[in-house]
Amino acid sequence: MRRQHGPRGVERPSPRGLAAALTALMALAATSLVAGPAVAATDDLEPCVLPRTPAHHSLGLDDWNGSYPRPDHRLDAVMIFLSFPDAEPVVGPEVLTADYFPSTTRFFERASYGAFTLRPHPMDRWTPMPRDSTWYGIERDWDSGRRTAYLRDAIEAADDRVDFSRYDIVYLVADPDAPGVDSDATKVVNFDRPMRADGADVKRVVTVFEQHPPDRNVLAHETGHVFDLADLYHRPEDGKGDWDTHVGDWDVMGSQFGLAPDLFGWHKWKLGWIDDRQIVCVQGRADLTLEPVAAAPVPGGTLGTRLAVVRTGEDSVLAVEARGATGNDRHTCSEGVLIYRVRGGTASGGGPVEVVDAHPETEACWDRSVYPPLADAPLREGETFTLPEERTRIEVADRTPSGAWTVRITTGV
């Protein structure tokens, strides 16, 4: 366990000053709820929209990459279970299906506020592969020739029983007990040249090599890649050390084990799950009330403001959102207002998102968090944090009875 020290970088006012600040900010927040955000938060989001770049899984969102299915409606996924001559499966396809569904469908329904449904179509029998599992050399960075052979063998073996033209997503699930299966090799494979099956292009597949039971939320992570979302973890050059230094627990695209795995508000904007009505582009100063990104809308109501954005460069923004213990984030280590940087020109795995640690001298939940130094990253009530490089200050006044946070964002400081 690491020793904890006093916070640095967060300004804490005196009790008298805090009371005055809270009163002033609460008054401003009440006004904003009636009259709308301050003049600096305009209805024009264009200044805060990063362009999509050639970077792999670019987080730019001015348009959609049409080679990926967009999850703004129902999508159908086929699960094909692959067995091998060198192993007799120990568990059946129905058991492996239950490892992933309905939990993955529920994850996306919560994350999308009901806008997207992932409908699985699992095969009820094993599909025999023509070669031993050990022949394919399955591993995280496996030989491209053996990997191509694996994918072609799998598609051809299943083609008689699967009409690939009916499905938006293909999951190839290997027998977890076969001797050549390496759980570290689970990933999405994008084809340089699509494979053809049943008159349809198969552009990418999810190769699942998980043990039984699998890693938590692993299929939600891999399915995110199918929707053009980037890996947010840091991969050490030697494979050793911390993998979660960029975003910690705060998005499933960083870690499938995260305590607060709901997708960032920026991702939800890209995917179309929140729109202009739930986003504020800050230019100058804005007083606003942020609803937690994981919170479901009030029945019969609207989503409320979920994301505030400050443009900081040609290819970068600061994003500000609230995170609370609800929905996909119900097991979060801490609650508050989370700040993170987004870079549209940074490729998947290169750090396109970086969470700002508002409490750099402390950590939290060392026994549960994937990266305790970022587990307490959000700002809490009464705290102020200034980012000198971005000339931006974020002040959190209080939390409303409904669970939202009252926030002032000032740029140009």
Protein backbone atom coordinates (compact mmCIF):
# COMPACT_ATOMS: atom_id res chain seq x y z
CA MET A 1 0.00 0.00 0.00
CA ARG A 2 1.34 3.40 -0.96
CA ARG A 3 1.41 6.20 1.56
CA GLN A 4 -1.08 8.99 1.03
CA HIS A 5 -0.20 12.65 1.31
CA GLY A 6 -2.12 15.88 1.41
CA PRO A 7 -3.69 17.07 -1.88
CA ARG A 8 -1.74 19.31 -4.20
CA GLY A 9 -3.25 21.20 -7.12
CA VAL A 10 -6.73 21.42 -5.61
CA GLU A 11 -7.67 24.69 -3.97
CA ARG A 12 -9.75 24.37 -0.80
CA PRO A 13 -11.29 27.64 0.44
CA SER A 14 -11.70 28.47 4.11
CA PRO A 15 -15.07 27.54 5.66
CA ARG A 16 -16.27 31.14 5.46
CA GLY A 17 -14.98 31.52 1.91
CA LEU A 18 -16.44 28.18 0.96
CA ALA A 19 -19.87 29.15 2.24
CA ALA A 20 -19.76 32.39 0.28
CA ALA A 21 -18.55 30.63 -2.86
CA LEU A 22 -21.21 27.99 -2.57
CA THR A 23 -23.92 30.57 -2.11
CA ALA A 24 -22.76 32.54 -5.13
CA LEU A 25 -22.32 29.52 -7.36
CA MET A 26 -25.60 27.97 -6.29
CA ALA A 27 -27.34 31.20 -7.19
CA LEU A 28 -25.63 31.19 -10.56
CA ALA A 29 -26.54 27.56 -11.07
CA ALA A 30 -30.16 28.20 -10.20
CA THR A 31 -30.22 31.02 -12.74
CA SER A 32 -28.63 28.78 -15.38
CA LEU A 33 -31.30 26.12 -14.84
CA VAL A 34 -33.95 28.69 -15.72
CA ALA A 35 -32.24 30.88 -18.25
CA GLY A 36 -29.65 28.50 -19.71
CA PRO A 37 -25.84 28.57 -19.48
CA ALA A 38 -23.82 31.76 -19.39
CA VAL A 39 -23.14 33.54 -22.67
CA ALA A 40 -19.76 31.84 -23.00
CA ALA A 41 -21.48 28.47 -23.41
CA THR A 42 -22.98 28.96 -26.84
CA ASP A 43 -25.32 26.70 -28.79
CA ASP A 44 -22.63 26.44 -31.46
CA LEU A 45 -20.58 23.30 -30.83
CA GLU A 46 -18.43 23.66 -33.94
CA PRO A 47 -15.46 25.27 -32.10
CA CYS A 48 -15.25 22.17 -29.87
CA VAL A 49 -15.56 19.50 -32.57
CA LEU A 50 -12.28 17.73 -33.29
CA PRO A 51 -11.84 16.53 -36.88
CA ARG A 52 -11.46 12.83 -37.57
CA THR A 53 -7.89 12.10 -38.69
CA PRO A 54 -6.19 9.14 -40.42
CA ALA A 55 -5.04 7.88 -37.00
CA HIS A 56 -6.31 4.38 -36.21
CA HIS A 57 -9.59 4.74 -34.28
CA SER A 58 -9.27 8.53 -34.30
CA LEU A 59 -11.44 10.18 -31.65
CA GLY A 60 -12.23 13.07 -33.97
CA LEU A 61 -15.98 13.20 -34.46
CA ASP A 62 -16.81 15.67 -37.22
CA ASP A 63 -17.95 12.72 -39.34
CA TRP A 64 -18.41 8.96 -39.06
CA ASN A 65 -16.05 6.34 -40.54
CA GLY A 66 -18.49 4.43 -42.74
CA SER A 67 -16.45 1.22 -42.63
CA TYR A 68 -17.67 0.67 -39.06
CA PRO A 69 -21.26 -0.04 -37.98
CA ARG A 70 -22.69 2.81 -35.93
CA PRO A 71 -24.45 1.65 -32.75
CA ASP A 72 -27.42 3.99 -32.89
CA HIS A 73 -29.97 1.22 -33.50
CA ARG A 74 -30.23 -2.53 -33.04
CA LEU A 75 -27.30 -4.60 -34.32
CA ASP A 76 -27.15 -8.37 -34.68
CA ALA A 77 -24.11 -10.42 -33.67
CA VAL A 78 -23.40 -14.08 -34.37
CA MET A 79 -21.37 -16.12 -31.86
CA ILE A 80 -19.53 -19.06 -33.43
CA PHE A 81 -17.95 -21.57 -31.04
CA LEU A 82 -14.79 -23.23 -32.36
CA SER A 83 -13.45 -26.59 -31.24
CA PHE A 84 -10.16 -28.26 -32.18
CA PRO A 85 -8.99 -31.82 -32.91
CA ASP A 86 -6.53 -31.72 -29.98
CA ALA A 87 -9.12 -31.01 -27.27
CA GLU A 88 -12.57 -32.18 -26.22
CA PRO A 89 -14.63 -29.18 -25.01
CA VAL A 90 -15.38 -29.28 -21.30
CA VAL A 91 -18.24 -26.75 -21.31
CA GLY A 92 -20.97 -26.24 -23.86
CA PRO A 93 -21.77 -23.24 -26.08
CA GLU A 94 -24.75 -22.35 -23.89
CA VAL A 95 -22.44 -21.96 -20.87
CA LEU A 96 -20.02 -19.73 -22.77
CA THR A 97 -22.89 -17.66 -24.15
CA ALA A 98 -24.01 -16.97 -20.58
CA ASP A 99 -20.50 -15.67 -19.80
CA TYR A 100 -21.15 -12.72 -22.12
CA PHE A 101 -24.89 -12.28 -22.53
CA PRO A 102 -27.11 -10.68 -21.48
CA SER A 103 -24.47 -8.73 -19.50
CA THR A 104 -22.84 -7.18 -22.59
CA THR A 105 -26.21 -6.20 -24.04
CA ARG A 106 -27.17 -4.58 -20.73
CA PHE A 107 -23.86 -2.69 -20.58
CA PHE A 108 -24.52 -1.04 -23.93
CA GLU A 109 -28.19 -0.40 -23.24
CA ARG A 110 -27.23 1.48 -20.08
CA ALA A 111 -24.33 3.31 -21.75
CA SER A 112 -26.48 4.40 -24.70
CA TYR A 113 -29.52 5.37 -22.59
CA GLY A 114 -31.51 2.75 -24.49
CA ALA A 115 -30.54 4.00 -27.95
CA PHE A 116 -28.58 0.87 -28.87
CA THR A 117 -29.34 -2.83 -28.47
CA LEU A 118 -26.80 -5.55 -29.19
CA ARG A 119 -28.73 -8.71 -30.06
CA PRO A 120 -26.67 -11.95 -29.88
CA HIS A 121 -27.31 -15.00 -32.02
CA PRO A 122 -25.22 -17.80 -30.48
CA MET A 123 -24.74 -21.06 -32.32
CA ASP A 124 -25.93 -24.06 -30.34
CA ARG A 125 -23.14 -26.45 -31.41
CA TRP A 126 -19.39 -26.47 -31.70
CA THR A 127 -17.89 -25.73 -35.11
CA PRO A 128 -14.89 -28.06 -35.66
CA MET A 129 -11.67 -26.44 -36.85
CA PRO A 130 -9.50 -28.43 -39.30
CA ARG A 131 -6.22 -28.07 -37.35
CA ASP A 132 -5.03 -28.46 -33.78
CA SER A 133 -5.23 -25.38 -31.57
CA THR A 134 -1.47 -25.50 -31.06
CA TRP A 135 -0.83 -25.30 -34.80
CA TYR A 136 -2.17 -21.73 -35.02
CA GLY A 137 0.41 -20.27 -32.63
CA ILE A 138 -2.22 -18.17 -30.85
CA GLU A 139 -0.76 -15.33 -28.76
CA ARG A 140 -1.16 -11.59 -28.27
CA ASP A 141 1.11 -10.58 -31.17
CA TRP A 142 0.81 -13.73 -33.19
CA ASP A 143 2.26 -14.44 -36.60
CA SER A 144 0.08 -12.81 -39.26
CA GLY A 145 0.19 -15.89 -41.50
CA ARG A 146 -1.05 -18.23 -38.78
CA ARG A 147 -3.65 -15.69 -37.70
CA THR A 148 -4.95 -15.36 -41.27
CA ALA A 149 -5.13 -19.15 -41.53
CA TYR A 150 -7.11 -19.28 -38.27
CA LEU A 151 -9.62 -16.70 -39.50
CA ARG A 152 -10.07 -18.29 -42.91
CA ASP A 153 -10.46 -21.76 -41.40
CA ALA A 154 -13.06 -20.45 -38.95
CA ILE A 155 -15.15 -18.63 -41.54
CA GLU A 156 -15.02 -21.58 -43.94
CA ALA A 157 -15.86 -24.10 -41.23
CA ALA A 158 -18.92 -22.10 -40.14
CA ASP A 159 -20.13 -21.03 -43.58
CA ASP A 160 -22.42 -24.01 -44.11
CA ARG A 161 -24.40 -23.18 -40.96
CA VAL A 162 -24.06 -19.39 -40.74
CA ASP A 163 -25.46 -16.81 -43.15
CA PHE A 164 -22.91 -14.08 -42.59
CA SER A 165 -24.94 -11.57 -44.58
CA ARG A 166 -27.46 -11.43 -41.72
CA TYR A 167 -25.05 -10.16 -39.09
CA ASP A 168 -23.36 -6.86 -38.28
CA ILE A 169 -20.80 -8.38 -35.86
CA VAL A 170 -18.98 -11.72 -35.82
CA TYR A 171 -17.64 -13.24 -32.58
CA LEU A 172 -15.33 -16.25 -32.99
CA VAL A 173 -15.20 -17.94 -29.58
CA ALA A 174 -12.49 -20.56 -29.15
CA ASP A 175 -12.77 -23.52 -26.80
CA PRO A 176 -11.21 -22.01 -23.65
CA ASP A 177 -9.74 -25.36 -22.59
CA ALA A 178 -7.88 -26.13 -25.82
CA PRO A 179 -4.12 -26.29 -25.15
CA GLY A 180 -3.14 -23.72 -27.78
CA VAL A 181 -5.61 -21.03 -26.68
CA ASP A 182 -4.07 -17.91 -25.09
CA SER A 183 -6.51 -15.56 -23.37
CA ASP A 184 -4.16 -12.64 -23.98
CA ALA A 185 -4.89 -12.91 -27.71
CA THR A 186 -8.53 -11.76 -27.51
CA LYS A 187 -8.88 -8.82 -29.89
CA VAL A 188 -10.63 -7.36 -32.92
CA VAL A 189 -9.03 -8.16 -36.27
CA ASN A 190 -9.55 -5.66 -39.10
CA PHE A 191 -8.96 -7.09 -42.56
CA ASP A 192 -6.91 -5.07 -45.06
CA ARG A 193 -8.99 -6.82 -47.69
CA PRO A 194 -12.43 -8.01 -46.50
CA MET A 195 -13.22 -11.71 -46.57
CA ARG A 196 -16.29 -12.72 -48.56
CA ALA A 197 -18.97 -15.02 -47.19
CA ASP A 198 -22.57 -15.45 -48.33
CA GLY A 199 -22.21 -12.51 -50.70
CA ALA A 200 -21.23 -10.15 -47.88
CA ASP A 201 -17.95 -8.50 -46.88
CA VAL A 202 -16.63 -9.60 -43.51
CA LYS A 203 -14.50 -6.56 -42.62
CA ARG A 204 -13.55 -7.47 -39.06
CA VAL A 205 -14.15 -10.16 -36.48
CA VAL A 206 -13.80 -10.37 -32.72
CA THR A 207 -11.53 -13.29 -31.83
CA VAL A 208 -12.37 -14.44 -28.31
CA PHE A 209 -9.84 -16.64 -26.48
CA GLU A 210 -11.00 -15.96 -22.93
CA GLN A 211 -10.90 -18.48 -20.13
CA HIS A 212 -14.13 -19.59 -18.49
CA PRO A 213 -15.29 -17.50 -16.73
CA PRO A 214 -13.86 -14.60 -18.75
CA ASP A 215 -12.47 -11.22 -17.77
CA ARG A 216 -15.15 -8.79 -16.62
CA ASN A 217 -16.55 -6.58 -19.43
CA VAL A 218 -14.00 -7.96 -21.91
CA LEU A 219 -16.60 -8.35 -24.67
CA ALA A 220 -17.87 -4.81 -24.13
CA HIS A 221 -14.28 -3.58 -24.58
CA GLU A 222 -13.70 -5.55 -27.78
CA THR A 223 -17.10 -4.60 -29.17
CA GLY A 224 -16.16 -0.97 -28.62
CA HIS A 225 -13.43 -1.45 -31.23
CA VAL A 226 -16.08 -2.66 -33.67
CA PHE A 227 -17.59 0.82 -33.26
CA ASP A 228 -14.26 2.56 -33.99
CA LEU A 229 -13.31 3.26 -30.38
CA ALA A 230 -9.62 3.32 -29.45
CA ASP A 231 -7.63 1.44 -26.84
CA LEU A 232 -7.04 3.90 -24.00
CA TYR A 233 -4.54 1.88 -21.99
CA HIS A 234 -0.79 2.40 -22.00
CA ARG A 235 1.17 -0.63 -23.13
CA PRO A 236 4.67 -0.71 -21.62
CA GLU A 237 7.39 -1.43 -24.15
CA ASP A 238 8.60 -4.49 -22.24
CA GLY A 239 5.08 -5.56 -21.30
CA LYS A 240 5.83 -4.89 -17.63
CA GLY A 241 4.59 -2.08 -15.40
CA ASP A 242 1.28 -0.24 -15.21
CA TRP A 243 -1.04 -0.47 -18.22
CA ASP A 244 -3.67 1.91 -16.86
CA THR A 245 -1.79 5.15 -16.37
CA HIS A 246 -3.77 7.08 -19.01
CA VAL A 247 -7.36 6.67 -17.81
CA GLY A 248 -7.36 4.27 -14.87
CA ASP A 249 -10.80 2.89 -14.05
CA TRP A 250 -12.72 5.53 -15.98
CA ASP A 251 -13.66 3.88 -19.29
CA VAL A 252 -14.06 0.28 -20.46
CA MET A 253 -11.79 1.06 -23.41
CA GLY A 254 -9.02 1.56 -20.87
CA SER A 255 -9.63 -1.54 -18.75
CA GLN A 256 -12.35 -4.17 -18.72
CA PHE A 257 -11.75 -4.43 -14.96
CA GLY A 258 -12.45 -0.75 -14.23
CA LEU A 259 -14.62 0.22 -11.27
CA ALA A 260 -16.29 2.97 -13.34
CA PRO A 261 -16.30 1.42 -16.84
CA ASP A 262 -19.01 3.49 -18.50
CA LEU A 263 -17.85 5.17 -21.69
CA PHE A 264 -16.60 8.76 -21.54
CA GLY A 265 -19.03 11.44 -22.56
CA TRP A 266 -16.75 12.15 -25.53
CA HIS A 267 -17.26 8.57 -26.73
CA LYS A 268 -21.01 8.91 -26.30
CA TRP A 269 -20.94 12.07 -28.41
CA LYS A 270 -18.98 10.26 -31.12
CA LEU A 271 -21.37 7.32 -31.10
CA GLY A 272 -24.46 9.53 -31.22
CA TRP A 273 -25.79 8.64 -27.77
CA ILE A 274 -25.70 12.25 -26.59
CA ASP A 275 -26.35 15.17 -28.89
CA ASP A 276 -26.04 18.94 -29.00
CA ARG A 277 -28.65 19.39 -26.28
CA GLN A 278 -26.49 17.53 -23.75
CA ILE A 279 -23.18 19.24 -24.61
CA VAL A 280 -21.76 22.67 -23.77
CA CYS A 281 -18.87 24.21 -25.69
CA VAL A 282 -17.18 26.63 -23.29
CA GLN A 283 -15.59 29.83 -24.59
CA GLY A 284 -14.92 32.23 -21.76
CA ARG A 285 -17.02 31.21 -18.75
CA ALA A 286 -19.93 28.88 -18.19
CA ASP A 287 -22.03 27.99 -15.15
CA LEU A 288 -23.78 24.68 -15.59
CA THR A 289 -25.22 21.60 -13.94
CA LEU A 290 -23.65 18.31 -15.04
CA GLU A 291 -25.62 15.08 -14.80
CA PRO A 292 -23.53 11.91 -14.28
CA VAL A 293 -22.76 10.33 -17.65
CA ALA A 294 -23.87 6.91 -16.38
CA ALA A 295 -27.22 8.11 -15.01
CA ALA A 296 -30.36 7.08 -16.86
CA PRO A 297 -32.70 9.88 -17.94
CA VAL A 298 -35.59 10.67 -15.65
CA PRO A 299 -38.71 8.85 -16.94
CA GLY A 300 -40.47 11.20 -19.31
CA GLY A 301 -37.59 13.70 -19.00
CA THR A 302 -34.43 14.61 -20.88
CA LEU A 303 -30.84 13.55 -20.38
CA GLY A 304 -29.65 16.94 -19.15
CA THR A 305 -26.14 18.28 -19.74
CA ARG A 306 -23.63 15.41 -19.82
CA LEU A 307 -20.46 16.96 -21.25
CA ALA A 308 -18.62 20.29 -21.28
CA VAL A 309 -15.78 20.84 -23.76
CA VAL A 310 -12.99 23.43 -23.98
CA ARG A 311 -11.01 23.64 -27.21
CA THR A 312 -7.30 23.78 -26.35
CA GLY A 313 -5.56 23.32 -29.70
CA GLU A 314 -5.92 22.36 -33.32
CA ASP A 315 -6.22 18.71 -32.38
CA SER A 316 -7.05 18.76 -28.66
CA VAL A 317 -9.78 19.54 -26.14
CA LEU A 318 -10.44 19.38 -22.44
CA ALA A 319 -13.56 17.41 -21.57
CA VAL A 320 -15.41 17.82 -18.27
CA GLU A 321 -18.12 15.46 -17.06
CA ALA A 322 -19.69 14.15 -13.85
CA ARG A 323 -19.25 10.60 -12.64
CA GLY A 324 -21.52 9.08 -10.01
CA ALA A 325 -22.29 5.67 -8.50
CA THR A 326 -25.07 4.67 -10.87
CA GLY A 327 -25.61 2.56 -13.98
CA ASN A 328 -22.39 1.08 -15.34
CA ASP A 329 -20.47 3.17 -12.77
CA ARG A 330 -22.35 1.83 -9.75
CA HIS A 331 -19.15 0.33 -8.27
CA THR A 332 -17.05 3.47 -8.72
CA CYS A 333 -14.37 4.23 -6.18
CA SER A 334 -15.12 7.96 -6.08
CA GLU A 335 -17.66 10.45 -7.40
CA GLY A 336 -17.27 13.96 -8.72
CA VAL A 337 -16.34 16.02 -11.75
CA LEU A 338 -13.82 14.30 -14.01
CA ILE A 339 -11.48 16.19 -16.34
CA TYR A 340 -9.67 14.59 -19.27
CA ARG A 341 -7.76 15.56 -22.39
CA VAL A 342 -8.74 14.25 -25.83
CA ARG A 343 -6.42 14.23 -28.85
CA GLY A 344 -8.04 13.42 -32.18
CA GLY A 345 -4.78 12.78 -34.01
CA THR A 346 -3.42 10.19 -31.57
CA ALA A 347 -3.84 6.58 -32.61
CA SER A 348 -5.36 3.77 -30.59
CA GLY A 349 -2.97 2.68 -27.85
CA GLY A 350 -0.96 5.90 -28.04
CA GLY A 351 -2.85 7.81 -25.36
CA PRO A 352 -5.70 9.59 -27.19
CA VAL A 353 -7.33 10.26 -23.80
CA GLU A 354 -5.59 11.31 -20.61
CA VAL A 355 -7.46 11.70 -17.32
CA VAL A 356 -6.36 14.72 -15.28
CA ASP A 357 -5.65 13.81 -11.67
CA ALA A 358 -7.15 16.54 -9.50
CA HIS A 359 -5.59 14.90 -6.42
CA PRO A 360 -2.07 13.99 -7.57
CA GLU A 361 -0.70 13.40 -4.08
CA THR A 362 -3.27 10.79 -3.08
CA GLU A 363 -4.71 7.54 -4.32
CA ALA A 364 -7.73 5.46 -3.44
CA CYS A 365 -9.18 1.94 -3.45
CA TRP A 366 -5.74 0.35 -3.71
CA ASP A 367 -7.32 -3.08 -3.16
CA ARG A 368 -9.84 -2.75 -6.03
CA SER A 369 -8.76 -0.08 -8.50
CA VAL A 370 -6.79 -0.93 -11.65
CA TYR A 371 -4.70 2.21 -11.01
CA PRO A 372 -5.18 3.74 -7.52
CA PRO A 373 -3.40 7.06 -8.33
CA LEU A 374 -6.31 7.96 -10.67
CA ALA A 375 -9.07 6.36 -8.62
CA ASP A 376 -9.69 9.68 -6.79
CA ALA A 377 -9.13 11.87 -9.86
CA PRO A 378 -12.52 13.69 -9.87
CA LEU A 379 -13.07 17.05 -8.24
CA ARG A 380 -15.41 17.02 -5.26
CA GLU A 381 -17.81 19.62 -3.90
CA GLY A 382 -16.11 22.87 -2.92
CA GLU A 383 -12.91 22.16 -4.86
CA THR A 384 -11.24 24.23 -7.59
CA PHE A 385 -8.64 23.00 -10.06
CA THR A 386 -6.62 25.09 -12.50
CA LEU A 387 -4.88 23.75 -15.59
CA PRO A 388 -2.20 26.35 -16.42
CA GLU A 389 -1.30 24.94 -19.83
CA GLU A 390 -4.90 25.08 -20.98
CA ARG A 391 -5.57 28.34 -19.06
CA THR A 392 -8.73 26.78 -17.66
CA ARG A 393 -10.19 26.69 -14.15
CA ILE A 394 -12.94 24.30 -12.98
CA GLU A 395 -14.85 25.07 -9.79
CA VAL A 396 -17.31 22.60 -8.26
CA ALA A 397 -19.85 24.26 -5.99
CA ASP A 398 -22.13 21.51 -4.77
CA ARG A 399 -24.20 18.49 -5.62
CA THR A 400 -27.90 18.84 -6.27
CA PRO A 401 -30.55 16.65 -4.59
CA SER A 402 -30.91 14.74 -7.89
CA GLY A 403 -27.20 13.83 -7.89
CA ALA A 404 -25.91 16.35 -10.46
CA TRP A 405 -22.96 18.69 -9.88
CA THR A 406 -22.99 22.48 -10.08
CA VAL A 407 -19.89 23.60 -11.94
CA ARG A 408 -18.26 26.81 -13.18
CA ILE A 409 -15.71 26.55 -16.02
CA THR A 410 -13.58 29.58 -16.83
CA THR A 411 -11.16 29.77 -19.76
CA GLY A 412 -8.41 32.28 -20.48
CA VAL A 413 -7.29 32.42 -16.83
